[in-house]
Amino acid sequence: MWGPSIVGYGSYSYKYESGREGTMCRGGFSPRKAAHTLYAMQVVSLCAGRAAELVPKLGKYTTGKGCLYIKKLADVDLAVLEALIALSWERMNAAYPD
């Protein structure tokens, strides 16, 4: 658990140019009231490579900086979501090797 409501997997450390630093999960989710939130999903907002093919097929969603928001799972194609999560996991592991 990451905080009181995020189920997360793995971890990585980050540091911004401002000097702020921290640790976050490599991937995670939280079933929030407004929407299901998936963390570390930059592949959707970057929409490059294989993600560029998948994102248009996903369905109804919104994004934040590194998050994907889905109001109802019935609004998205779960196979496409699974593929995007796998791409995101690969990207995080490449960007933040152990």
PDB file of N, CA and C in Angstrom:
ATOM      1  N   MET A   1       0.849  -1.185   0.000  1.00  0.00           N
ATOM      2  CA  MET A   1       0.000   0.000   0.000  1.00  0.00           C
ATOM      3  C   MET A   1       0.890   1.243   0.000  1.00  0.00           C
ATOM      4  N   TRP A   2       0.492   2.191  -0.809  1.00  0.00           N
ATOM      5  CA  TRP A   2       1.155   3.495  -0.864  1.00  0.00           C
ATOM      6  C   TRP A   2       0.155   4.494  -0.306  1.00  0.00           C
ATOM      7  N   GLY A   3       0.372   4.885   0.921  1.00  0.00           N
ATOM      8  CA  GLY A   3      -0.601   5.743   1.581  1.00  0.00           C
ATOM      9  C   GLY A   3      -1.836   4.919   1.919  1.00  0.00           C
ATOM     10  N   PRO A   4      -2.950   5.589   2.194  1.00  0.00           N
ATOM     11  CA  PRO A   4      -4.145   4.868   2.628  1.00  0.00           C
ATOM     12  C   PRO A   4      -4.967   4.257   1.501  1.00  0.00           C
ATOM     13  N   SER A   5      -4.700   4.624   0.228  1.00  0.00           N
ATOM     14  CA  SER A   5      -5.631   4.153  -0.800  1.00  0.00           C
ATOM     15  C   SER A   5      -5.023   3.705  -2.127  1.00  0.00           C
ATOM     16  N   ILE A   6      -3.713   3.673  -2.251  1.00  0.00           N
ATOM     17  CA  ILE A   6      -3.093   3.266  -3.510  1.00  0.00           C
ATOM     18  C   ILE A   6      -2.479   1.880  -3.355  1.00  0.00           C
ATOM     19  N   VAL A   7      -2.904   0.962  -4.188  1.00  0.00           N
ATOM     20  CA  VAL A   7      -2.285  -0.353  -4.255  1.00  0.00           C
ATOM     21  C   VAL A   7      -1.202  -0.243  -5.317  1.00  0.00           C
ATOM     22  N   GLY A   8       0.050  -0.388  -4.915  1.00  0.00           N
ATOM     23  CA  GLY A   8       1.150  -0.176  -5.841  1.00  0.00           C
ATOM     24  C   GLY A   8       2.074  -1.363  -5.925  1.00  0.00           C
ATOM     25  N   TYR A   9       2.792  -1.434  -7.035  1.00  0.00           N
ATOM     26  CA  TYR A   9       3.716  -2.523  -7.298  1.00  0.00           C
ATOM     27  C   TYR A   9       5.082  -1.940  -7.626  1.00  0.00           C
ATOM     28  N   GLY A  10       6.120  -2.519  -7.038  1.00  0.00           N
ATOM     29  CA  GLY A  10       7.467  -2.036  -7.270  1.00  0.00           C
ATOM     30  C   GLY A  10       7.651  -0.637  -6.705  1.00  0.00           C
ATOM     31  N   SER A  11       8.821  -0.067  -6.948  1.00  0.00           N
ATOM     32  CA  SER A  11       9.074   1.306  -6.506  1.00  0.00           C
ATOM     33  C   SER A  11      10.199   1.903  -7.343  1.00  0.00           C
ATOM     34  N   TYR A  12      10.260   3.219  -7.357  1.00  0.00           N
ATOM     35  CA  TYR A  12      11.353   3.940  -8.003  1.00  0.00           C
ATOM     36  C   TYR A  12      11.532   5.259  -7.284  1.00  0.00           C
ATOM     37  N   SER A  13      12.751   5.773  -7.354  1.00  0.00           N
ATOM     38  CA  SER A  13      13.042   7.065  -6.735  1.00  0.00           C
ATOM     39  C   SER A  13      13.183   8.104  -7.834  1.00  0.00           C
ATOM     40  N   TYR A  14      12.708   9.307  -7.556  1.00  0.00           N
ATOM     41  CA  TYR A  14      12.777  10.387  -8.538  1.00  0.00           C
ATOM     42  C   TYR A  14      13.307  11.641  -7.864  1.00  0.00           C
ATOM     43  N   LYS A  15      13.831  12.546  -8.699  1.00  0.00           N
ATOM     44  CA  LYS A  15      14.294  13.841  -8.202  1.00  0.00           C
ATOM     45  C   LYS A  15      14.023  14.877  -9.291  1.00  0.00           C
ATOM     46  N   TYR A  16      13.292  15.928  -8.942  1.00  0.00           N
ATOM     47  CA  TYR A  16      12.984  17.007  -9.872  1.00  0.00           C
ATOM     48  C   TYR A  16      14.121  18.026  -9.886  1.00  0.00           C
ATOM     49  N   GLU A  17      14.156  18.846 -10.926  1.00  0.00           N
ATOM     50  CA  GLU A  17      15.162  19.901 -11.027  1.00  0.00           C
ATOM     51  C   GLU A  17      15.090  20.856  -9.834  1.00  0.00           C
ATOM     52  N   SER A  18      13.892  20.995  -9.261  1.00  0.00           N
ATOM     53  CA  SER A  18      13.704  21.882  -8.115  1.00  0.00           C
ATOM     54  C   SER A  18      14.395  21.352  -6.856  1.00  0.00           C
ATOM     55  N   GLY A  19      14.807  20.068  -6.910  1.00  0.00           N
ATOM     56  CA  GLY A  19      15.426  19.452  -5.746  1.00  0.00           C
ATOM     57  C   GLY A  19      14.477  18.537  -4.990  1.00  0.00           C
ATOM     58  N   ARG A  20      13.192  18.672  -5.268  1.00  0.00           N
ATOM     59  CA  ARG A  20      12.208  17.794  -4.615  1.00  0.00           C
ATOM     60  C   ARG A  20      12.448  16.362  -5.074  1.00  0.00           C
ATOM     61  N   GLU A  21      12.397  15.435  -4.124  1.00  0.00           N
ATOM     62  CA  GLU A  21      12.592  14.036  -4.456  1.00  0.00           C
ATOM     63  C   GLU A  21      11.657  13.165  -3.646  1.00  0.00           C
ATOM     64  N   GLY A  22      11.486  11.943  -4.104  1.00  0.00           N
ATOM     65  CA  GLY A  22      10.610  11.027  -3.413  1.00  0.00           C
ATOM     66  C   GLY A  22      10.671   9.640  -4.016  1.00  0.00           C
ATOM     67  N   THR A  23       9.815   8.788  -3.518  1.00  0.00           N
ATOM     68  CA  THR A  23       9.705   7.413  -3.990  1.00  0.00           C
ATOM     69  C   THR A  23       8.238   7.140  -4.279  1.00  0.00           C
ATOM     70  N   MET A  24       7.978   6.435  -5.374  1.00  0.00           N
ATOM     71  CA  MET A  24       6.604   6.114  -5.767  1.00  0.00           C
ATOM     72  C   MET A  24       6.595   4.709  -6.342  1.00  0.00           C
ATOM     73  N   CYS A  25       5.415   4.156  -6.471  1.00  0.00           N
ATOM     74  CA  CYS A  25       5.282   2.821  -7.061  1.00  0.00           C
ATOM     75  C   CYS A  25       5.506   2.885  -8.573  1.00  0.00           C
ATOM     76  N   ARG A  26       6.023   1.812  -9.136  1.00  0.00           N
ATOM     77  CA  ARG A  26       6.235   1.738 -10.589  1.00  0.00           C
ATOM     78  C   ARG A  26       4.908   1.631 -11.323  1.00  0.00           C
ATOM     79  N   GLY A  27       3.939   1.118 -10.669  1.00  0.00           N
ATOM     80  CA  GLY A  27       2.588   1.018 -11.215  1.00  0.00           C
ATOM     81  C   GLY A  27       1.633   0.824 -10.075  1.00  0.00           C
ATOM     82  N   GLY A  28       0.422   1.333 -10.211  1.00  0.00           N
ATOM     83  CA  GLY A  28      -0.538   1.170  -9.133  1.00  0.00           C
ATOM     84  C   GLY A  28      -1.917   1.629  -9.537  1.00  0.00           C
ATOM     85  N   PHE A  29      -2.867   1.403  -8.630  1.00  0.00           N
ATOM     86  CA  PHE A  29      -4.235   1.842  -8.877  1.00  0.00           C
ATOM     87  C   PHE A  29      -4.924   2.189  -7.573  1.00  0.00           C
ATOM     88  N   SER A  30      -5.975   2.962  -7.715  1.00  0.00           N
ATOM     89  CA  SER A  30      -6.796   3.324  -6.570  1.00  0.00           C
ATOM     90  C   SER A  30      -8.235   3.479  -7.056  1.00  0.00           C
ATOM     91  N   PRO A  31      -9.164   2.779  -6.431  1.00  0.00           N
ATOM     92  CA  PRO A  31     -10.571   2.904  -6.829  1.00  0.00           C
ATOM     93  C   PRO A  31     -11.205   4.130  -6.172  1.00  0.00           C
ATOM     94  N   ARG A  32     -10.917   5.295  -6.691  1.00  0.00           N
ATOM     95  CA  ARG A  32     -11.421   6.549  -6.106  1.00  0.00           C
ATOM     96  C   ARG A  32     -12.878   6.787  -6.476  1.00  0.00           C
ATOM     97  N   LYS A  33     -13.520   7.683  -5.738  1.00  0.00           N
ATOM     98  CA  LYS A  33     -14.940   7.967  -5.953  1.00  0.00           C
ATOM     99  C   LYS A  33     -15.210   8.527  -7.351  1.00  0.00           C
ATOM    100  N   ALA A  34     -14.394   9.456  -7.796  1.00  0.00           N
ATOM    101  CA  ALA A  34     -14.602  10.101  -9.095  1.00  0.00           C
ATOM    102  C   ALA A  34     -14.242   9.194 -10.265  1.00  0.00           C
ATOM    103  N   ALA A  35     -13.213   8.355 -10.089  1.00  0.00           N
ATOM    104  CA  ALA A  35     -12.766   7.482 -11.176  1.00  0.00           C
ATOM    105  C   ALA A  35     -11.745   6.486 -10.641  1.00  0.00           C
ATOM    106  N   HIS A  36     -11.609   5.376 -11.345  1.00  0.00           N
ATOM    107  CA  HIS A  36     -10.522   4.447 -11.056  1.00  0.00           C
ATOM    108  C   HIS A  36      -9.253   5.139 -11.545  1.00  0.00           C
ATOM    109  N   THR A  37      -8.242   5.207 -10.699  1.00  0.00           N
ATOM    110  CA  THR A  37      -7.007   5.891 -11.049  1.00  0.00           C
ATOM    111  C   THR A  37      -5.888   4.873 -11.181  1.00  0.00           C
ATOM    112  N   LEU A  38      -5.209   4.905 -12.329  1.00  0.00           N
ATOM    113  CA  LEU A  38      -4.050   4.048 -12.557  1.00  0.00           C
ATOM    114  C   LEU A  38      -2.828   4.950 -12.601  1.00  0.00           C
ATOM    115  N   TYR A  39      -1.831   4.616 -11.781  1.00  0.00           N
ATOM    116  CA  TYR A  39      -0.631   5.439 -11.637  1.00  0.00           C
ATOM    117  C   TYR A  39       0.507   4.920 -12.497  1.00  0.00           C
ATOM    118  N   ALA A  40       1.421   5.833 -12.878  1.00  0.00           N
ATOM    119  CA  ALA A  40       2.593   5.546 -13.705  1.00  0.00           C
ATOM    120  C   ALA A  40       2.170   5.083 -15.095  1.00  0.00           C
ATOM    121  N   MET A  41       1.226   5.796 -15.679  1.00  0.00           N
ATOM    122  CA  MET A  41       0.717   5.461 -17.011  1.00  0.00           C
ATOM    123  C   MET A  41       1.117   6.518 -18.038  1.00  0.00           C
ATOM    124  N   GLN A  42       2.359   6.981 -17.967  1.00  0.00           N
ATOM    125  CA  GLN A  42       2.834   8.008 -18.897  1.00  0.00           C
ATOM    126  C   GLN A  42       2.759   7.557 -20.348  1.00  0.00           C
ATOM    127  N   VAL A  43       2.746   6.246 -20.601  1.00  0.00           N
ATOM    128  CA  VAL A  43       2.687   5.784 -21.992  1.00  0.00           C
ATOM    129  C   VAL A  43       1.422   6.279 -22.695  1.00  0.00           C
ATOM    130  N   VAL A  44       0.361   6.495 -21.936  1.00  0.00           N
ATOM    131  CA  VAL A  44      -0.877   6.976 -22.545  1.00  0.00           C
ATOM    132  C   VAL A  44      -0.728   8.435 -22.948  1.00  0.00           C
ATOM    133  N   SER A  45      -0.213   9.269 -22.040  1.00  0.00           N
ATOM    134  CA  SER A  45      -0.077  10.684 -22.361  1.00  0.00           C
ATOM    135  C   SER A  45       1.036  10.931 -23.382  1.00  0.00           C
ATOM    136  N   LEU A  46       2.086  10.108 -23.376  1.00  0.00           N
ATOM    137  CA  LEU A  46       3.158  10.254 -24.364  1.00  0.00           C
ATOM    138  C   LEU A  46       2.706   9.765 -25.734  1.00  0.00           C
ATOM    139  N   CYS A  47       1.898   8.715 -25.736  1.00  0.00           N
ATOM    140  CA  CYS A  47       1.278   8.172 -26.941  1.00  0.00           C
ATOM    141  C   CYS A  47       2.282   8.003 -28.081  1.00  0.00           C
ATOM    142  N   ALA A  48       3.340   7.263 -27.819  1.00  0.00           N
ATOM    143  CA  ALA A  48       4.354   7.004 -28.833  1.00  0.00           C
ATOM    144  C   ALA A  48       4.535   5.498 -28.989  1.00  0.00           C
ATOM    145  N   GLY A  49       5.099   5.095 -30.098  1.00  0.00           N
ATOM    146  CA  GLY A  49       5.365   3.681 -30.330  1.00  0.00           C
ATOM    147  C   GLY A  49       4.097   2.853 -30.316  1.00  0.00           C
ATOM    148  N   ARG A  50       4.164   1.706 -29.680  1.00  0.00           N
ATOM    149  CA  ARG A  50       3.019   0.777 -29.612  1.00  0.00           C
ATOM    150  C   ARG A  50       1.819   1.427 -28.928  1.00  0.00           C
ATOM    151  N   ALA A  51       2.051   2.290 -27.952  1.00  0.00           N
ATOM    152  CA  ALA A  51       0.954   2.973 -27.261  1.00  0.00           C
ATOM    153  C   ALA A  51       0.136   3.821 -28.231  1.00  0.00           C
ATOM    154  N   ALA A  52       0.785   4.394 -29.242  1.00  0.00           N
ATOM    155  CA  ALA A  52       0.073   5.225 -30.226  1.00  0.00           C
ATOM    156  C   ALA A  52      -0.970   4.414 -30.986  1.00  0.00           C
ATOM    157  N   GLU A  53      -0.723   3.130 -31.159  1.00  0.00           N
ATOM    158  CA  GLU A  53      -1.688   2.249 -31.819  1.00  0.00           C
ATOM    159  C   GLU A  53      -2.823   1.861 -30.867  1.00  0.00           C
ATOM    160  N   LEU A  54      -2.496   1.701 -29.596  1.00  0.00           N
ATOM    161  CA  LEU A  54      -3.464   1.197 -28.620  1.00  0.00           C
ATOM    162  C   LEU A  54      -4.398   2.259 -28.045  1.00  0.00           C
ATOM    163  N   VAL A  55      -3.858   3.435 -27.755  1.00  0.00           N
ATOM    164  CA  VAL A  55      -4.635   4.474 -27.071  1.00  0.00           C
ATOM    165  C   VAL A  55      -5.967   4.790 -27.765  1.00  0.00           C
ATOM    166  N   PRO A  56      -6.005   4.938 -29.096  1.00  0.00           N
ATOM    167  CA  PRO A  56      -7.293   5.235 -29.736  1.00  0.00           C
ATOM    168  C   PRO A  56      -8.334   4.127 -29.571  1.00  0.00           C
ATOM    169  N   LYS A  57      -7.881   2.921 -29.243  1.00  0.00           N
ATOM    170  CA  LYS A  57      -8.779   1.778 -29.079  1.00  0.00           C
ATOM    171  C   LYS A  57      -9.235   1.586 -27.631  1.00  0.00           C
ATOM    172  N   LEU A  58      -8.683   2.384 -26.713  1.00  0.00           N
ATOM    173  CA  LEU A  58      -8.933   2.171 -25.285  1.00  0.00           C
ATOM    174  C   LEU A  58     -10.379   2.415 -24.892  1.00  0.00           C
ATOM    175  N   GLY A  59     -10.961   3.501 -25.331  1.00  0.00           N
ATOM    176  CA  GLY A  59     -12.321   3.845 -24.919  1.00  0.00           C
ATOM    177  C   GLY A  59     -12.340   5.186 -24.212  1.00  0.00           C
ATOM    178  N   LYS A  60     -13.260   5.350 -23.254  1.00  0.00           N
ATOM    179  CA  LYS A  60     -13.429   6.626 -22.551  1.00  0.00           C
ATOM    180  C   LYS A  60     -12.503   6.693 -21.333  1.00  0.00           C
ATOM    181  N   TYR A  61     -11.657   7.725 -21.320  1.00  0.00           N
ATOM    182  CA  TYR A  61     -10.710   7.924 -20.225  1.00  0.00           C
ATOM    183  C   TYR A  61     -10.249   9.379 -20.240  1.00  0.00           C
ATOM    184  N   THR A  62      -9.614   9.790 -19.172  1.00  0.00           N
ATOM    185  CA  THR A  62      -8.900  11.067 -19.131  1.00  0.00           C
ATOM    186  C   THR A  62      -7.524  10.785 -18.539  1.00  0.00           C
ATOM    187  N   THR A  63      -6.622  11.763 -18.669  1.00  0.00           N
ATOM    188  CA  THR A  63      -5.274  11.578 -18.135  1.00  0.00           C
ATOM    189  C   THR A  63      -4.865  12.758 -17.282  1.00  0.00           C
ATOM    190  N   GLY A  64      -3.913  12.493 -16.424  1.00  0.00           N
ATOM    191  CA  GLY A  64      -3.217  13.518 -15.668  1.00  0.00           C
ATOM    192  C   GLY A  64      -1.759  13.401 -16.057  1.00  0.00           C
ATOM    193  N   LYS A  65      -0.860  13.946 -15.268  1.00  0.00           N
ATOM    194  CA  LYS A  65       0.566  13.892 -15.612  1.00  0.00           C
ATOM    195  C   LYS A  65       1.064  12.473 -15.828  1.00  0.00           C
ATOM    196  N   GLY A  66       0.822  11.619 -14.893  1.00  0.00           N
ATOM    197  CA  GLY A  66       1.259  10.228 -15.013  1.00  0.00           C
ATOM    198  C   GLY A  66       0.151   9.263 -14.668  1.00  0.00           C
ATOM    199  N   CYS A  67      -1.091   9.740 -14.729  1.00  0.00           N
ATOM    200  CA  CYS A  67      -2.229   8.923 -14.321  1.00  0.00           C
ATOM    201  C   CYS A  67      -3.234   8.752 -15.451  1.00  0.00           C
ATOM    202  N   LEU A  68      -3.954   7.668 -15.374  1.00  0.00           N
ATOM    203  CA  LEU A  68      -5.050   7.376 -16.285  1.00  0.00           C
ATOM    204  C   LEU A  68      -6.298   7.264 -15.421  1.00  0.00           C
ATOM    205  N   TYR A  69      -7.355   7.975 -15.801  1.00  0.00           N
ATOM    206  CA  TYR A  69      -8.599   7.971 -15.033  1.00  0.00           C
ATOM    207  C   TYR A  69      -9.704   7.324 -15.858  1.00  0.00           C
ATOM    208  N   ILE A  70     -10.371   6.339 -15.264  1.00  0.00           N
ATOM    209  CA  ILE A  70     -11.459   5.629 -15.929  1.00  0.00           C
ATOM    210  C   ILE A  70     -12.665   5.653 -14.994  1.00  0.00           C
ATOM    211  N   LYS A  71     -13.771   6.217 -15.471  1.00  0.00           N
ATOM    212  CA  LYS A  71     -14.967   6.295 -14.621  1.00  0.00           C
ATOM    213  C   LYS A  71     -15.585   4.918 -14.392  1.00  0.00           C
ATOM    214  N   LYS A  72     -15.731   4.136 -15.458  1.00  0.00           N
ATOM    215  CA  LYS A  72     -16.294   2.790 -15.346  1.00  0.00           C
ATOM    216  C   LYS A  72     -15.452   1.850 -16.201  1.00  0.00           C
ATOM    217  N   LEU A  73     -15.134   0.684 -15.664  1.00  0.00           N
ATOM    218  CA  LEU A  73     -14.351  -0.273 -16.442  1.00  0.00           C
ATOM    219  C   LEU A  73     -15.080  -0.692 -17.718  1.00  0.00           C
ATOM    220  N   ALA A  74     -16.402  -0.625 -17.703  1.00  0.00           N
ATOM    221  CA  ALA A  74     -17.175  -0.962 -18.899  1.00  0.00           C
ATOM    222  C   ALA A  74     -16.935   0.041 -20.028  1.00  0.00           C
ATOM    223  N   ASP A  75     -16.359   1.203 -19.716  1.00  0.00           N
ATOM    224  CA  ASP A  75     -16.087   2.237 -20.721  1.00  0.00           C
ATOM    225  C   ASP A  75     -14.822   1.980 -21.531  1.00  0.00           C
ATOM    226  N   VAL A  76     -14.021   1.001 -21.122  1.00  0.00           N
ATOM    227  CA  VAL A  76     -12.749   0.752 -21.811  1.00  0.00           C
ATOM    228  C   VAL A  76     -12.652  -0.697 -22.271  1.00  0.00           C
ATOM    229  N   ASP A  77     -11.786  -0.898 -23.246  1.00  0.00           N
ATOM    230  CA  ASP A  77     -11.481  -2.241 -23.724  1.00  0.00           C
ATOM    231  C   ASP A  77     -10.422  -2.810 -22.778  1.00  0.00           C
ATOM    232  N   LEU A  78     -10.782  -3.834 -22.009  1.00  0.00           N
ATOM    233  CA  LEU A  78      -9.880  -4.352 -20.977  1.00  0.00           C
ATOM    234  C   LEU A  78      -8.616  -4.983 -21.565  1.00  0.00           C
ATOM    235  N   ALA A  79      -8.697  -5.567 -22.747  1.00  0.00           N
ATOM    236  CA  ALA A  79      -7.499  -6.135 -23.376  1.00  0.00           C
ATOM    237  C   ALA A  79      -6.521  -5.014 -23.750  1.00  0.00           C
ATOM    238  N   VAL A  80      -7.046  -3.907 -24.246  1.00  0.00           N
ATOM    239  CA  VAL A  80      -6.196  -2.757 -24.584  1.00  0.00           C
ATOM    240  C   VAL A  80      -5.601  -2.174 -23.302  1.00  0.00           C
ATOM    241  N   LEU A  81      -6.396  -2.055 -22.257  1.00  0.00           N
ATOM    242  CA  LEU A  81      -5.907  -1.543 -20.979  1.00  0.00           C
ATOM    243  C   LEU A  81      -4.772  -2.430 -20.455  1.00  0.00           C
ATOM    244  N   GLU A  82      -4.950  -3.727 -20.532  1.00  0.00           N
ATOM    245  CA  GLU A  82      -3.915  -4.659 -20.078  1.00  0.00           C
ATOM    246  C   GLU A  82      -2.620  -4.457 -20.867  1.00  0.00           C
ATOM    247  N   ALA A  83      -2.734  -4.281 -22.178  1.00  0.00           N
ATOM    248  CA  ALA A  83      -1.546  -4.059 -23.010  1.00  0.00           C
ATOM    249  C   ALA A  83      -0.861  -2.743 -22.653  1.00  0.00           C
ATOM    250  N   LEU A  84      -1.635  -1.698 -22.381  1.00  0.00           N
ATOM    251  CA  LEU A  84      -1.053  -0.403 -21.994  1.00  0.00           C
ATOM    252  C   LEU A  84      -0.370  -0.490 -20.635  1.00  0.00           C
ATOM    253  N   ILE A  85      -0.950  -1.233 -19.720  1.00  0.00           N
ATOM    254  CA  ILE A  85      -0.322  -1.418 -18.411  1.00  0.00           C
ATOM    255  C   ILE A  85       1.014  -2.147 -18.574  1.00  0.00           C
ATOM    256  N   ALA A  86       1.052  -3.167 -19.431  1.00  0.00           N
ATOM    257  CA  ALA A  86       2.301  -3.899 -19.676  1.00  0.00           C
ATOM    258  C   ALA A  86       3.348  -2.976 -20.293  1.00  0.00           C
ATOM    259  N   LEU A  87       2.950  -2.142 -21.246  1.00  0.00           N
ATOM    260  CA  LEU A  87       3.883  -1.181 -21.845  1.00  0.00           C
ATOM    261  C   LEU A  87       4.405  -0.195 -20.806  1.00  0.00           C
ATOM    262  N   SER A  88       3.514   0.256 -19.954  1.00  0.00           N
ATOM    263  CA  SER A  88       3.906   1.196 -18.910  1.00  0.00           C
ATOM    264  C   SER A  88       4.919   0.549 -17.962  1.00  0.00           C
ATOM    265  N   TRP A  89       4.663  -0.691 -17.591  1.00  0.00           N
ATOM    266  CA  TRP A  89       5.570  -1.408 -16.699  1.00  0.00           C
ATOM    267  C   TRP A  89       6.951  -1.540 -17.345  1.00  0.00           C
ATOM    268  N   GLU A  90       6.982  -1.888 -18.644  1.00  0.00           N
ATOM    269  CA  GLU A  90       8.251  -2.010 -19.362  1.00  0.00           C
ATOM    270  C   GLU A  90       8.981  -0.661 -19.393  1.00  0.00           C
ATOM    271  N   ARG A  91       8.237   0.407 -19.651  1.00  0.00           N
ATOM    272  CA  ARG A  91       8.842   1.743 -19.716  1.00  0.00           C
ATOM    273  C   ARG A  91       9.427   2.149 -18.366  1.00  0.00           C
ATOM    274  N   MET A  92       8.688   1.893 -17.287  1.00  0.00           N
ATOM    275  CA  MET A  92       9.182   2.247 -15.958  1.00  0.00           C
ATOM    276  C   MET A  92      10.440   1.449 -15.628  1.00  0.00           C
ATOM    277  N   ASN A  93      10.457   0.173 -15.970  1.00  0.00           N
ATOM    278  CA  ASN A  93      11.637  -0.648 -15.685  1.00  0.00           C
ATOM    279  C   ASN A  93      12.836  -0.211 -16.510  1.00  0.00           C
ATOM    280  N   ALA A  94      12.617   0.255 -17.729  1.00  0.00           N
ATOM    281  CA  ALA A  94      13.714   0.742 -18.561  1.00  0.00           C
ATOM    282  C   ALA A  94      14.219   2.098 -18.055  1.00  0.00           C
ATOM    283  N   ALA A  95      13.292   2.961 -17.654  1.00  0.00           N
ATOM    284  CA  ALA A  95      13.665   4.305 -17.197  1.00  0.00           C
ATOM    285  C   ALA A  95      14.302   4.300 -15.803  1.00  0.00           C
ATOM    286  N   TYR A  96      13.899   3.348 -14.977  1.00  0.00           N
ATOM    287  CA  TYR A  96      14.399   3.284 -13.596  1.00  0.00           C
ATOM    288  C   TYR A  96      14.885   1.864 -13.282  1.00  0.00           C
ATOM    289  N   PRO A  97      16.011   1.472 -13.875  1.00  0.00           N
ATOM    290  CA  PRO A  97      16.517   0.120 -13.590  1.00  0.00           C
ATOM    291  C   PRO A  97      16.917  -0.007 -12.117  1.00  0.00           C
ATOM    292  N   ASP A  98      16.829  -1.197 -11.611  1.00  0.00           N
ATOM    293  CA  ASP A  98      17.174  -1.426 -10.196  1.00  0.00           C
ATOM    294  C   ASP A  98      18.605  -1.159  -9.901  1.00  0.00           C
TER     295      ASP A  98
END
